[in-house]
C-alpha atoms as a PDB file:
ATOM      1  CA  UNK A   1     129.617 130.490  39.741  1.00  0.00           C
ATOM      2  CA  UNK A   2     130.056 134.212  40.262  1.00  0.00           C
ATOM      3  CA  UNK A   3     127.889 135.969  37.664  1.00  0.00           C
ATOM      4  CA  UNK A   4     128.053 139.607  36.649  1.00  0.00           C
ATOM      5  CA  UNK A   5     128.972 142.035  33.942  1.00  0.00           C
ATOM      6  CA  UNK A   6     132.621 142.710  33.079  1.00  0.00           C
ATOM      7  CA  UNK A   7     134.038 144.987  35.744  1.00  0.00           C
ATOM      8  CA  UNK A   8     132.024 143.514  38.617  1.00  0.00           C
ATOM      9  CA  UNK A   9     135.363 142.403  40.176  1.00  0.00           C
ATOM     10  CA  UNK A  10     134.557 138.690  40.114  1.00  0.00           C
ATOM     11  CA  UNK A  11     138.173 137.726  39.510  1.00  0.00           C
ATOM     12  CA  UNK A  12     139.398 140.077  42.228  1.00  0.00           C
ATOM     13  CA  UNK A  13     137.229 138.303  44.793  1.00  0.00           C
ATOM     14  CA  UNK A  14     138.394 134.891  43.621  1.00  0.00           C
ATOM     15  CA  UNK A  15     142.107 135.720  43.641  1.00  0.00           C
ATOM     16  CA  UNK A  16     142.012 136.526  47.364  1.00  0.00           C
ATOM     17  CA  UNK A  17     140.500 133.126  48.169  1.00  0.00           C
ATOM     18  CA  UNK A  18     142.939 131.196  45.998  1.00  0.00           C
ATOM     19  CA  UNK A  19     145.892 133.019  47.532  1.00  0.00           C
ATOM     20  CA  UNK A  20     144.760 132.026  51.032  1.00  0.00           C
ATOM     21  CA  UNK A  21     144.213 128.400  50.022  1.00  0.00           C
ATOM     22  CA  UNK A  22     147.685 128.152  48.471  1.00  0.00           C
ATOM     23  CA  UNK A  23     149.257 129.750  51.541  1.00  0.00           C
ATOM     24  CA  UNK A  24     147.495 127.141  53.692  1.00  0.00           C
ATOM     25  CA  UNK A  25     149.090 124.327  51.679  1.00  0.00           C
ATOM     26  CA  UNK A  26     146.197 123.430  49.392  1.00  0.00           C
ATOM     27  CA  UNK A  27     147.548 122.628  45.935  1.00  0.00           C
ATOM     28  CA  UNK A  28     145.149 120.296  44.098  1.00  0.00           C
ATOM     29  CA  UNK A  29     143.974 122.908  41.609  1.00  0.00           C
ATOM     30  CA  UNK A  30     142.997 121.833  38.106  1.00  0.00           C
ATOM     31  CA  UNK A  31     144.710 123.407  35.106  1.00  0.00           C
ATOM     32  CA  UNK A  32     143.196 126.701  33.964  1.00  0.00           C
ATOM     33  CA  UNK A  33     142.550 125.351  30.463  1.00  0.00           C
ATOM     34  CA  UNK A  34     142.364 121.625  29.793  1.00  0.00           C
ATOM     35  CA  UNK A  35     140.628 119.072  27.560  1.00  0.00           C
ATOM     36  CA  UNK A  36     138.260 116.561  29.120  1.00  0.00           C
ATOM     37  CA  UNK A  37     140.767 113.782  28.398  1.00  0.00           C
ATOM     38  CA  UNK A  38     143.649 115.551  30.105  1.00  0.00           C
ATOM     39  CA  UNK A  39     141.444 116.512  33.046  1.00  0.00           C
ATOM     40  CA  UNK A  40     140.775 112.827  33.673  1.00  0.00           C
ATOM     41  CA  UNK A  41     144.419 111.922  33.102  1.00  0.00           C
ATOM     42  CA  UNK A  42     145.535 114.546  35.623  1.00  0.00           C
ATOM     43  CA  UNK A  43     143.109 113.178  38.217  1.00  0.00           C
ATOM     44  CA  UNK A  44     143.848 109.500  37.523  1.00  0.00           C
ATOM     45  CA  UNK A  45     146.283 107.941  39.975  1.00  0.00           C
ATOM     46  CA  UNK A  46     146.316 104.246  39.123  1.00  0.00           C
ATOM     47  CA  UNK A  47     146.188 102.158  36.013  1.00  0.00           C
ATOM     48  CA  UNK A  48     144.310  98.865  36.025  1.00  0.00           C
ATOM     49  CA  UNK A  49     147.518  96.896  36.460  1.00  0.00           C
ATOM     50  CA  UNK A  50     148.434  98.846  39.583  1.00  0.00           C
ATOM     51  CA  UNK A  51     144.862  98.539  40.839  1.00  0.00           C
ATOM     52  CA  UNK A  52     145.075  94.738  40.805  1.00  0.00           C
ATOM     53  CA  UNK A  53     147.967  94.928  43.276  1.00  0.00           C
ATOM     54  CA  UNK A  54     145.825  96.700  45.882  1.00  0.00           C
ATOM     55  CA  UNK A  55     144.168  94.532  48.490  1.00  0.00           C
ATOM     56  CA  UNK A  56     140.412  94.472  48.894  1.00  0.00           C
ATOM     57  CA  UNK A  57     140.841  95.812  52.436  1.00  0.00           C
ATOM     58  CA  UNK A  58     142.648  98.891  51.124  1.00  0.00           C
ATOM     59  CA  UNK A  59     139.991  99.618  48.524  1.00  0.00           C
ATOM     60  CA  UNK A  60     137.044  99.441  50.937  1.00  0.00           C
ATOM     61  CA  UNK A  61     138.746 101.329  53.746  1.00  0.00           C
ATOM     62  CA  UNK A  62     138.907 105.089  54.207  1.00  0.00           C
ATOM     63  CA  UNK A  63     142.678 105.091  54.685  1.00  0.00           C
ATOM     64  CA  UNK A  64     143.423 106.151  51.134  1.00  0.00           C
ATOM     65  CA  UNK A  65     142.506 109.804  50.536  1.00  0.00           C
ATOM     66  CA  UNK A  66     140.033 110.738  47.847  1.00  0.00           C
ATOM     67  CA  UNK A  67     141.245 111.996  44.485  1.00  0.00           C
ATOM     68  CA  UNK A  68     140.661 115.719  44.649  1.00  0.00           C
ATOM     69  CA  UNK A  69     140.531 118.404  41.990  1.00  0.00           C
ATOM     70  CA  UNK A  70     139.542 122.031  42.530  1.00  0.00           C
ATOM     71  CA  UNK A  71     138.491 123.798  39.329  1.00  0.00           C
ATOM     72  CA  UNK A  72     139.255 127.425  40.163  1.00  0.00           C
ATOM     73  CA  UNK A  73     138.466 129.239  36.920  1.00  0.00           C
ATOM     74  CA  UNK A  74     138.292 133.016  36.813  1.00  0.00           C
ATOM     75  CA  UNK A  75     137.573 132.618  33.097  1.00  0.00           C
ATOM     76  CA  UNK A  76     135.302 129.588  33.185  1.00  0.00           C
ATOM     77  CA  UNK A  77     135.010 129.343  29.401  1.00  0.00           C
ATOM     78  CA  UNK A  78     138.784 128.847  29.146  1.00  0.00           C
ATOM     79  CA  UNK A  79     138.396 125.740  31.281  1.00  0.00           C
ATOM     80  CA  UNK A  80     135.239 124.150  29.929  1.00  0.00           C
ATOM     81  CA  UNK A  81     135.351 125.322  26.313  1.00  0.00           C
ATOM     82  CA  UNK A  82     132.278 126.152  24.249  1.00  0.00           C
ATOM     83  CA  UNK A  83     129.285 123.848  24.189  1.00  0.00           C
ATOM     84  CA  UNK A  84     131.210 120.683  25.124  1.00  0.00           C
ATOM     85  CA  UNK A  85     128.236 118.692  26.386  1.00  0.00           C
ATOM     86  CA  UNK A  86     130.321 115.523  26.891  1.00  0.00           C
ATOM     87  CA  UNK A  87     132.753 117.349  29.202  1.00  0.00           C
ATOM     88  CA  UNK A  88     129.813 118.850  31.096  1.00  0.00           C
ATOM     89  CA  UNK A  89     128.208 115.425  31.513  1.00  0.00           C
ATOM     90  CA  UNK A  90     131.494 113.928  32.703  1.00  0.00           C
ATOM     91  CA  UNK A  91     131.975 116.689  35.285  1.00  0.00           C
ATOM     92  CA  UNK A  92     128.413 116.093  36.469  1.00  0.00           C
ATOM     93  CA  UNK A  93     129.171 112.408  37.054  1.00  0.00           C
ATOM     94  CA  UNK A  94     132.438 113.138  38.872  1.00  0.00           C
ATOM     95  CA  UNK A  95     130.688 115.724  41.036  1.00  0.00           C
ATOM     96  CA  UNK A  96     128.562 113.068  42.737  1.00  0.00           C
ATOM     97  CA  UNK A  97     131.365 111.583  44.860  1.00  0.00           C
ATOM     98  CA  UNK A  98     131.433 108.211  43.134  1.00  0.00           C
ATOM     99  CA  UNK A  99     133.349 105.394  44.837  1.00  0.00           C
ATOM    100  CA  UNK A 100     135.456 105.179  41.674  1.00  0.00           C
ATOM    101  CA  UNK A 101     135.570 106.312  38.060  1.00  0.00           C
ATOM    102  CA  UNK A 102     137.114 104.382  35.168  1.00  0.00           C
ATOM    103  CA  UNK A 103     137.906 105.533  31.654  1.00  0.00           C
ATOM    104  CA  UNK A 104     139.267 102.865  29.303  1.00  0.00           C
ATOM    105  CA  UNK A 105     142.431 103.345  27.253  1.00  0.00           C
ATOM    106  CA  UNK A 106     143.088 107.051  27.404  1.00  0.00           C
ATOM    107  CA  UNK A 107     146.271 107.708  25.369  1.00  0.00           C
ATOM    108  CA  UNK A 108     147.030 103.997  25.532  1.00  0.00           C
ATOM    109  CA  UNK A 109     146.378 103.752  29.287  1.00  0.00           C
ATOM    110  CA  UNK A 110     143.266 103.098  31.308  1.00  0.00           C
ATOM    111  CA  UNK A 111     142.496 105.810  33.814  1.00  0.00           C
ATOM    112  CA  UNK A 112     141.221 104.838  37.250  1.00  0.00           C
ATOM    113  CA  UNK A 113     140.133 107.537  39.716  1.00  0.00           C
ATOM    114  CA  UNK A 114     139.541 106.534  43.318  1.00  0.00           C
ATOM    115  CA  UNK A 115     136.754 108.502  45.063  1.00  0.00           C
ATOM    116  CA  UNK A 116     136.785 111.438  42.629  1.00  0.00           C
ATOM    117  CA  UNK A 117     136.001 114.673  44.468  1.00  0.00           C
ATOM    118  CA  UNK A 118     135.546 117.702  42.225  1.00  0.00           C
ATOM    119  CA  UNK A 119     134.845 121.248  43.392  1.00  0.00           C
ATOM    120  CA  UNK A 120     134.157 124.080  40.967  1.00  0.00           C
ATOM    121  CA  UNK A 121     134.491 127.794  41.607  1.00  0.00           C
ATOM    122  CA  UNK A 122     134.106 129.859  38.453  1.00  0.00           C
ATOM    123  CA  UNK A 123     133.172 133.277  37.148  1.00  0.00           C
ATOM    124  CA  UNK A 124     131.260 134.263  34.053  1.00  0.00           C
ATOM    125  CA  UNK A 125     129.042 136.768  32.308  1.00  0.00           C
ATOM    126  CA  UNK A 126     125.554 135.923  31.081  1.00  0.00           C
ATOM    127  CA  UNK A 127     126.615 136.074  27.444  1.00  0.00           C
ATOM    128  CA  UNK A 128     129.677 133.859  27.907  1.00  0.00           C
ATOM    129  CA  UNK A 129     127.738 131.343  29.992  1.00  0.00           C
ATOM    130  CA  UNK A 130     125.417 130.816  27.025  1.00  0.00           C
ATOM    131  CA  UNK A 131     128.505 130.043  24.902  1.00  0.00           C
ATOM    132  CA  UNK A 132     130.018 127.664  27.445  1.00  0.00           C
ATOM    133  CA  UNK A 133     126.940 125.679  28.410  1.00  0.00           C
ATOM    134  CA  UNK A 134     124.294 124.662  25.843  1.00  0.00           C
ATOM    135  CA  UNK A 135     120.749 125.450  26.957  1.00  0.00           C
ATOM    136  CA  UNK A 136     119.934 121.713  27.009  1.00  0.00           C
ATOM    137  CA  UNK A 137     122.503 121.289  29.809  1.00  0.00           C
ATOM    138  CA  UNK A 138     119.987 122.882  32.158  1.00  0.00           C
ATOM    139  CA  UNK A 139     118.112 119.583  32.070  1.00  0.00           C
ATOM    140  CA  UNK A 140     121.096 117.246  32.475  1.00  0.00           C
ATOM    141  CA  UNK A 141     121.896 118.118  36.088  1.00  0.00           C
ATOM    142  CA  UNK A 142     124.988 120.283  35.713  1.00  0.00           C
ATOM    143  CA  UNK A 143     123.268 123.588  36.424  1.00  0.00           C
ATOM    144  CA  UNK A 144     121.218 122.129  39.282  1.00  0.00           C
ATOM    145  CA  UNK A 145     124.489 121.342  41.086  1.00  0.00           C
ATOM    146  CA  UNK A 146     125.724 124.923  40.724  1.00  0.00           C
ATOM    147  CA  UNK A 147     124.927 128.003  42.772  1.00  0.00           C
ATOM    148  CA  UNK A 148     124.871 131.093  40.549  1.00  0.00           C
ATOM    149  CA  UNK A 149     125.842 134.101  42.675  1.00  0.00           C
ATOM    150  CA  UNK A 150     124.932 137.388  41.030  1.00  0.00           C
ATOM    151  CA  UNK A 151     126.614 140.697  41.683  1.00  0.00           C
ATOM    152  CA  UNK A 152     126.385 144.127  40.087  1.00  0.00           C
ATOM    153  CA  UNK A 153     129.245 146.631  39.937  1.00  0.00           C
ATOM    154  CA  UNK A 154     128.983 148.756  43.081  1.00  0.00           C
ATOM    155  CA  UNK A 155     130.090 151.946  41.389  1.00  0.00           C
ATOM    156  CA  UNK A 156     132.748 152.463  44.044  1.00  0.00           C
ATOM    157  CA  UNK A 157     136.131 153.545  42.708  1.00  0.00           C
ATOM    158  CA  UNK A 158     139.221 153.091  44.855  1.00  0.00           C
ATOM    159  CA  UNK A 159     142.376 154.143  43.059  1.00  0.00           C
ATOM    160  CA  UNK A 160     144.789 152.453  45.475  1.00  0.00           C
ATOM    161  CA  UNK A 161     142.983 149.811  47.587  1.00  0.00           C
ATOM    162  CA  UNK A 162     144.375 149.279  51.047  1.00  0.00           C
ATOM    163  CA  UNK A 163     146.098 145.894  51.384  1.00  0.00           C
ATOM    164  CA  UNK A 164     144.632 143.375  53.787  1.00  0.00           C
ATOM    165  CA  UNK A 165     145.964 143.595  57.335  1.00  0.00           C
ATOM    166  CA  UNK A 166     148.829 141.162  57.830  1.00  0.00           C
ATOM    167  CA  UNK A 167     147.357 139.864  61.081  1.00  0.00           C
ATOM    168  CA  UNK A 168     144.002 139.163  59.404  1.00  0.00           C
ATOM    169  CA  UNK A 169     145.700 137.292  56.576  1.00  0.00           C
ATOM    170  CA  UNK A 170     147.810 135.269  59.008  1.00  0.00           C
ATOM    171  CA  UNK A 171     144.762 134.405  61.113  1.00  0.00           C
ATOM    172  CA  UNK A 172     142.838 133.166  58.077  1.00  0.00           C
ATOM    173  CA  UNK A 173     145.764 131.053  56.891  1.00  0.00           C
ATOM    174  CA  UNK A 174     146.204 129.490  60.327  1.00  0.00           C
ATOM    175  CA  UNK A 175     142.479 128.765  60.524  1.00  0.00           C
ATOM    176  CA  UNK A 176     142.509 127.077  57.101  1.00  0.00           C
ATOM    177  CA  UNK A 177     145.548 125.006  58.075  1.00  0.00           C
ATOM    178  CA  UNK A 178     143.852 123.936  61.302  1.00  0.00           C
ATOM    179  CA  UNK A 179     140.690 122.951  59.427  1.00  0.00           C
ATOM    180  CA  UNK A 180     142.658 120.986  56.854  1.00  0.00           C
ATOM    181  CA  UNK A 181     144.539 119.057  59.517  1.00  0.00           C
ATOM    182  CA  UNK A 182     141.831 118.481  62.132  1.00  0.00           C
ATOM    183  CA  UNK A 183     138.383 118.716  60.543  1.00  0.00           C
ATOM    184  CA  UNK A 184     138.179 115.199  59.102  1.00  0.00           C
ATOM    185  CA  UNK A 185     135.521 112.522  59.151  1.00  0.00           C
ATOM    186  CA  UNK A 186     131.758 112.713  59.118  1.00  0.00           C
ATOM    187  CA  UNK A 187     129.879 115.885  59.992  1.00  0.00           C
ATOM    188  CA  UNK A 188     126.848 115.065  62.141  1.00  0.00           C
ATOM    189  CA  UNK A 189     123.633 116.987  62.736  1.00  0.00           C
ATOM    190  CA  UNK A 190     122.638 117.771  66.308  1.00  0.00           C
ATOM    191  CA  UNK A 191     119.276 116.475  67.435  1.00  0.00           C
ATOM    192  CA  UNK A 192     117.968 120.004  68.060  1.00  0.00           C
ATOM    193  CA  UNK A 193     118.669 120.957  64.429  1.00  0.00           C
ATOM    194  CA  UNK A 194     116.601 118.155  62.870  1.00  0.00           C
ATOM    195  CA  UNK A 195     113.177 119.839  63.344  1.00  0.00           C
ATOM    196  CA  UNK A 196     114.587 123.037  61.805  1.00  0.00           C
ATOM    197  CA  UNK A 197     115.872 121.154  58.757  1.00  0.00           C
ATOM    198  CA  UNK A 198     112.518 119.384  58.485  1.00  0.00           C
ATOM    199  CA  UNK A 199     110.655 122.702  58.408  1.00  0.00           C
ATOM    200  CA  UNK A 200     113.041 124.201  55.849  1.00  0.00           C
ATOM    201  CA  UNK A 201     112.746 121.152  53.606  1.00  0.00           C
ATOM    202  CA  UNK A 202     108.954 121.135  53.709  1.00  0.00           C
ATOM    203  CA  UNK A 203     108.351 124.902  53.587  1.00  0.00           C
ATOM    204  CA  UNK A 204     110.666 125.709  50.682  1.00  0.00           C
ATOM    205  CA  UNK A 205     108.757 127.006  47.682  1.00  0.00           C
ATOM    206  CA  UNK A 206     110.475 126.406  44.324  1.00  0.00           C
ATOM    207  CA  UNK A 207     112.010 129.323  42.457  1.00  0.00           C
ATOM    208  CA  UNK A 208     109.450 130.747  40.040  1.00  0.00           C
ATOM    209  CA  UNK A 209     111.561 130.059  36.961  1.00  0.00           C
ATOM    210  CA  UNK A 210     111.383 126.851  34.930  1.00  0.00           C
ATOM    211  CA  UNK A 211     115.179 126.824  34.531  1.00  0.00           C
ATOM    212  CA  UNK A 212     115.541 126.075  38.250  1.00  0.00           C
ATOM    213  CA  UNK A 213     113.111 123.141  38.410  1.00  0.00           C
ATOM    214  CA  UNK A 214     115.982 120.659  38.815  1.00  0.00           C
ATOM    215  CA  UNK A 215     117.791 122.960  41.235  1.00  0.00           C
ATOM    216  CA  UNK A 216     114.728 123.061  43.482  1.00  0.00           C
ATOM    217  CA  UNK A 217     114.868 119.270  43.761  1.00  0.00           C
ATOM    218  CA  UNK A 218     118.510 119.465  44.900  1.00  0.00           C
ATOM    219  CA  UNK A 219     118.086 122.485  47.135  1.00  0.00           C
ATOM    220  CA  UNK A 220     118.227 120.527  50.393  1.00  0.00           C
ATOM    221  CA  UNK A 221     121.587 119.018  49.389  1.00  0.00           C
ATOM    222  CA  UNK A 222     122.954 122.519  48.790  1.00  0.00           C
ATOM    223  CA  UNK A 223     121.669 123.536  52.222  1.00  0.00           C
ATOM    224  CA  UNK A 224     123.398 120.616  53.963  1.00  0.00           C
ATOM    225  CA  UNK A 225     126.691 121.434  52.238  1.00  0.00           C
ATOM    226  CA  UNK A 226     126.501 125.095  53.260  1.00  0.00           C
ATOM    227  CA  UNK A 227     125.708 124.136  56.850  1.00  0.00           C
ATOM    228  CA  UNK A 228     128.663 121.737  56.897  1.00  0.00           C
ATOM    229  CA  UNK A 229     130.898 124.564  55.656  1.00  0.00           C
ATOM    230  CA  UNK A 230     129.595 126.903  58.365  1.00  0.00           C
ATOM    231  CA  UNK A 231     130.205 124.275  61.051  1.00  0.00           C
ATOM    232  CA  UNK A 232     133.719 123.382  59.887  1.00  0.00           C
ATOM    233  CA  UNK A 233     134.626 127.064  59.456  1.00  0.00           C
ATOM    234  CA  UNK A 234     133.826 127.369  63.157  1.00  0.00           C
ATOM    235  CA  UNK A 235     136.025 124.293  63.819  1.00  0.00           C
ATOM    236  CA  UNK A 236     133.084 122.050  64.678  1.00  0.00           C
ATOM    237  CA  UNK A 237     132.216 118.639  63.268  1.00  0.00           C
ATOM    238  CA  UNK A 238     128.535 119.028  64.077  1.00  0.00           C
ATOM    239  CA  UNK A 239     125.769 121.201  62.651  1.00  0.00           C
ATOM    240  CA  UNK A 240     123.610 123.147  65.098  1.00  0.00           C
ATOM    241  CA  UNK A 241     120.094 124.564  64.786  1.00  0.00           C
ATOM    242  CA  UNK A 242     121.665 128.002  64.411  1.00  0.00           C
ATOM    243  CA  UNK A 243     123.796 126.711  61.525  1.00  0.00           C
ATOM    244  CA  UNK A 244     120.634 125.445  59.819  1.00  0.00           C
ATOM    245  CA  UNK A 245     118.980 128.864  60.030  1.00  0.00           C
ATOM    246  CA  UNK A 246     122.135 130.699  58.951  1.00  0.00           C
ATOM    247  CA  UNK A 247     122.635 128.329  56.028  1.00  0.00           C
ATOM    248  CA  UNK A 248     119.053 128.820  54.920  1.00  0.00           C
ATOM    249  CA  UNK A 249     119.551 132.589  55.147  1.00  0.00           C
ATOM    250  CA  UNK A 250     122.627 132.485  52.894  1.00  0.00           C
ATOM    251  CA  UNK A 251     120.942 130.203  50.376  1.00  0.00           C
ATOM    252  CA  UNK A 252     117.707 132.186  50.225  1.00  0.00           C
ATOM    253  CA  UNK A 253     119.665 135.422  49.692  1.00  0.00           C
ATOM    254  CA  UNK A 254     121.454 133.843  46.732  1.00  0.00           C
ATOM    255  CA  UNK A 255     118.233 132.404  45.309  1.00  0.00           C
ATOM    256  CA  UNK A 256     116.540 135.787  45.178  1.00  0.00           C
ATOM    257  CA  UNK A 257     118.993 136.829  42.458  1.00  0.00           C
ATOM    258  CA  UNK A 258     119.704 133.525  40.728  1.00  0.00           C
ATOM    259  CA  UNK A 259     117.205 134.130  37.891  1.00  0.00           C
ATOM    260  CA  UNK A 260     118.895 137.477  37.286  1.00  0.00           C
ATOM    261  CA  UNK A 261     122.282 135.744  37.357  1.00  0.00           C
ATOM    262  CA  UNK A 262     121.302 133.625  34.367  1.00  0.00           C
ATOM    263  CA  UNK A 263     119.645 136.509  32.532  1.00  0.00           C
ATOM    264  CA  UNK A 264     117.907 135.066  29.494  1.00  0.00           C
ATOM    265  CA  UNK A 265     120.224 132.047  29.207  1.00  0.00           C
ATOM    266  CA  UNK A 266     118.250 128.947  28.328  1.00  0.00           C
ATOM    267  CA  UNK A 267     115.197 130.851  27.215  1.00  0.00           C
ATOM    268  CA  UNK A 268     113.698 131.704  23.869  1.00  0.00           C
ATOM    269  CA  UNK A 269     114.876 133.263  20.619  1.00  0.00           C
ATOM    270  CA  UNK A 270     116.803 136.547  20.942  1.00  0.00           C
ATOM    271  CA  UNK A 271     117.798 135.628  24.497  1.00  0.00           C
ATOM    272  CA  UNK A 272     121.200 137.325  24.116  1.00  0.00           C
ATOM    273  CA  UNK A 273     119.601 140.631  23.120  1.00  0.00           C
ATOM    274  CA  UNK A 274     117.035 140.323  25.904  1.00  0.00           C
ATOM    275  CA  UNK A 275     119.795 139.737  28.428  1.00  0.00           C
ATOM    276  CA  UNK A 276     121.674 142.786  27.145  1.00  0.00           C
ATOM    277  CA  UNK A 277     118.556 144.953  27.486  1.00  0.00           C
ATOM    278  CA  UNK A 278     117.890 143.856  31.062  1.00  0.00           C
ATOM    279  CA  UNK A 279     121.521 144.299  32.055  1.00  0.00           C
ATOM    280  CA  UNK A 280     121.493 147.817  30.600  1.00  0.00           C
ATOM    281  CA  UNK A 281     118.210 148.775  32.278  1.00  0.00           C
ATOM    282  CA  UNK A 282     119.452 147.671  35.700  1.00  0.00           C
ATOM    283  CA  UNK A 283     122.238 150.259  35.388  1.00  0.00           C
ATOM    284  CA  UNK A 284     119.915 153.098  34.379  1.00  0.00           C
ATOM    285  CA  UNK A 285     118.425 155.732  36.655  1.00  0.00           C
ATOM    286  CA  UNK A 286     116.194 157.338  34.014  1.00  0.00           C
ATOM    287  CA  UNK A 287     113.686 155.592  31.712  1.00  0.00           C
ATOM    288  CA  UNK A 288     115.018 154.255  28.418  1.00  0.00           C
ATOM    289  CA  UNK A 289     112.966 154.694  25.263  1.00  0.00           C
ATOM    290  CA  UNK A 290     112.863 152.005  22.553  1.00  0.00           C
ATOM    291  CA  UNK A 291     115.147 154.261  20.496  1.00  0.00           C
ATOM    292  CA  UNK A 292     117.666 154.370  23.362  1.00  0.00           C
ATOM    293  CA  UNK A 293     117.588 150.581  23.633  1.00  0.00           C
ATOM    294  CA  UNK A 294     117.904 150.085  19.880  1.00  0.00           C
ATOM    295  CA  UNK A 295     121.329 151.717  20.073  1.00  0.00           C
ATOM    296  CA  UNK A 296     122.342 148.990  22.539  1.00  0.00           C
ATOM    297  CA  UNK A 297     121.085 145.915  20.627  1.00  0.00           C
ATOM    298  CA  UNK A 298     120.960 146.997  16.973  1.00  0.00           C
ATOM    299  CA  UNK A 299     123.846 144.649  16.152  1.00  0.00           C
ATOM    300  CA  UNK A 300     122.062 141.683  17.748  1.00  0.00           C
ATOM    301  CA  UNK A 301     118.668 142.106  16.051  1.00  0.00           C
ATOM    302  CA  UNK A 302     117.638 142.279  12.423  1.00  0.00           C
ATOM    303  CA  UNK A 303     114.695 144.656  12.646  1.00  0.00           C
ATOM    304  CA  UNK A 304     113.293 147.246  15.054  1.00  0.00           C
ATOM    305  CA  UNK A 305     110.014 145.270  15.431  1.00  0.00           C
ATOM    306  CA  UNK A 306     112.036 142.473  17.054  1.00  0.00           C
ATOM    307  CA  UNK A 307     112.999 144.917  19.805  1.00  0.00           C
ATOM    308  CA  UNK A 308     109.355 145.917  20.212  1.00  0.00           C
ATOM    309  CA  UNK A 309     108.405 142.249  20.570  1.00  0.00           C
ATOM    310  CA  UNK A 310     111.097 141.710  23.219  1.00  0.00           C
ATOM    311  CA  UNK A 311     109.920 144.739  25.210  1.00  0.00           C
ATOM    312  CA  UNK A 312     106.303 143.574  24.999  1.00  0.00           C
ATOM    313  CA  UNK A 313     107.255 140.109  26.281  1.00  0.00           C
ATOM    314  CA  UNK A 314     109.362 141.574  29.109  1.00  0.00           C
ATOM    315  CA  UNK A 315     106.459 143.808  30.129  1.00  0.00           C
ATOM    316  CA  UNK A 316     104.006 140.897  30.167  1.00  0.00           C
ATOM    317  CA  UNK A 317     106.501 138.870  32.218  1.00  0.00           C
ATOM    318  CA  UNK A 318     106.730 141.684  34.811  1.00  0.00           C
ATOM    319  CA  UNK A 319     110.444 142.081  34.104  1.00  0.00           C
ATOM    320  CA  UNK A 320     110.182 145.728  32.988  1.00  0.00           C
ATOM    321  CA  UNK A 321     107.700 148.558  33.389  1.00  0.00           C
ATOM    322  CA  UNK A 322     106.903 151.789  31.554  1.00  0.00           C
ATOM    323  CA  UNK A 323     107.466 154.806  33.777  1.00  0.00           C
ATOM    324  CA  UNK A 324     107.757 158.579  33.392  1.00  0.00           C
ATOM    325  CA  UNK A 325     110.462 160.462  35.313  1.00  0.00           C
ATOM    326  CA  UNK A 326     111.376 164.131  34.849  1.00  0.00           C
ATOM    327  CA  UNK A 327     109.283 164.339  31.731  1.00  0.00           C
ATOM    328  CA  UNK A 328     110.876 161.309  30.028  1.00  0.00           C
ATOM    329  CA  UNK A 329     108.885 158.123  29.470  1.00  0.00           C
ATOM    330  CA  UNK A 330     110.461 154.770  28.886  1.00  0.00           C
ATOM    331  CA  UNK A 331     111.394 151.400  30.367  1.00  0.00           C
ATOM    332  CA  UNK A 332     112.967 150.525  33.702  1.00  0.00           C
ATOM    333  CA  UNK A 333     113.285 147.168  35.503  1.00  0.00           C
ATOM    334  CA  UNK A 334     110.440 145.912  37.637  1.00  0.00           C
ATOM    335  CA  UNK A 335     111.863 144.263  40.713  1.00  0.00           C
ATOM    336  CA  UNK A 336     109.424 142.123  42.675  1.00  0.00           C
ATOM    337  CA  UNK A 337     110.603 141.129  46.149  1.00  0.00           C
ATOM    338  CA  UNK A 338     108.779 138.113  47.476  1.00  0.00           C
ATOM    339  CA  UNK A 339     108.991 137.056  51.107  1.00  0.00           C
ATOM    340  CA  UNK A 340     109.010 133.270  51.001  1.00  0.00           C
ATOM    341  CA  UNK A 341     110.100 132.311  54.479  1.00  0.00           C
ATOM    342  CA  UNK A 342     108.795 132.461  58.016  1.00  0.00           C
ATOM    343  CA  UNK A 343     111.101 134.909  59.791  1.00  0.00           C
ATOM    344  CA  UNK A 344     111.986 132.261  62.387  1.00  0.00           C
ATOM    345  CA  UNK A 345     113.855 130.349  59.646  1.00  0.00           C
ATOM    346  CA  UNK A 346     116.014 133.344  58.688  1.00  0.00           C
ATOM    347  CA  UNK A 347     118.718 135.304  60.499  1.00  0.00           C
ATOM    348  CA  UNK A 348     119.194 138.498  58.520  1.00  0.00           C
ATOM    349  CA  UNK A 349     121.906 139.656  60.951  1.00  0.00           C
ATOM    350  CA  UNK A 350     124.075 136.890  59.480  1.00  0.00           C
ATOM    351  CA  UNK A 351     124.217 138.857  56.196  1.00  0.00           C
ATOM    352  CA  UNK A 352     126.048 142.085  55.544  1.00  0.00           C
ATOM    353  CA  UNK A 353     123.996 145.232  55.048  1.00  0.00           C
ATOM    354  CA  UNK A 354     124.854 145.167  51.353  1.00  0.00           C
ATOM    355  CA  UNK A 355     123.532 141.613  51.060  1.00  0.00           C
ATOM    356  CA  UNK A 356     120.349 142.541  52.918  1.00  0.00           C
ATOM    357  CA  UNK A 357     119.714 145.435  50.536  1.00  0.00           C
ATOM    358  CA  UNK A 358     119.852 143.295  47.396  1.00  0.00           C
END
């Protein structure tokens, strides 16, 4: 899930990827807006009567392809709705690569989905995420299966962006087509990579945020998936020790900003106002007084003392600090960078300079 304020160009980044996938022949995208019933109906391929006609050998073999659906939602709330905990739970179940999924009598027909395989790539703001996903969903597994990738607007303004080079686009399309045709079967881990994975698994320290407790338990699964992607992108069906380090580098870079990606979602009272304050402060170069901040959140709070309470709590939590610059005193963010990894388990050259500076 790409997370950021409006104008961070989340949709722009996604459109380029979707265009390449379509050009490479990939077409199993889910509808942009759909009910949970229709999502299952669209995925379902066989009714129970048709299923009975299949031989046992066919069902237990790998000859039949999985039932695939790629949720590619630039406006994620349009797809998932607001607070639909049943839809969220159902997506969570489908996400786990079940051998099959059955739903009885949907619109008069039973839906059977063989090897459901669901991928989700979405974009959202902190405020809209709180509308789409109830805070209790943090504990049901949905959020622990998602990587929240945070990005701020860069401030760069390009009136007429240069189009991508035709040869680069063609090369990417050909590479995706080659991967789709040839990279099939099980991805294996080279023997030399196993000690590296073992160290990463044992030396990982959980994210210091209670909302990511379940994520921390699934972190190794995320790492294996990223390493498989890196290997296959390089047209290999095996993961090397270098892939393990590079995958850990990518994941750790994302994790440094995942708490910021969620803002105050899933936290206490006035979380929306708190999120707005933090988002505003991260854009500021000069300290903001309580009066300045009241202009930003006056519609979200009932009384000025509520703002004072929020600022006190943020200060105690080391999220903001009181500073004085050019004669003006006020609040600015307090960014704490914590080095969690032995440098031998990271390859910072694998990241862009912009990613390293985050």
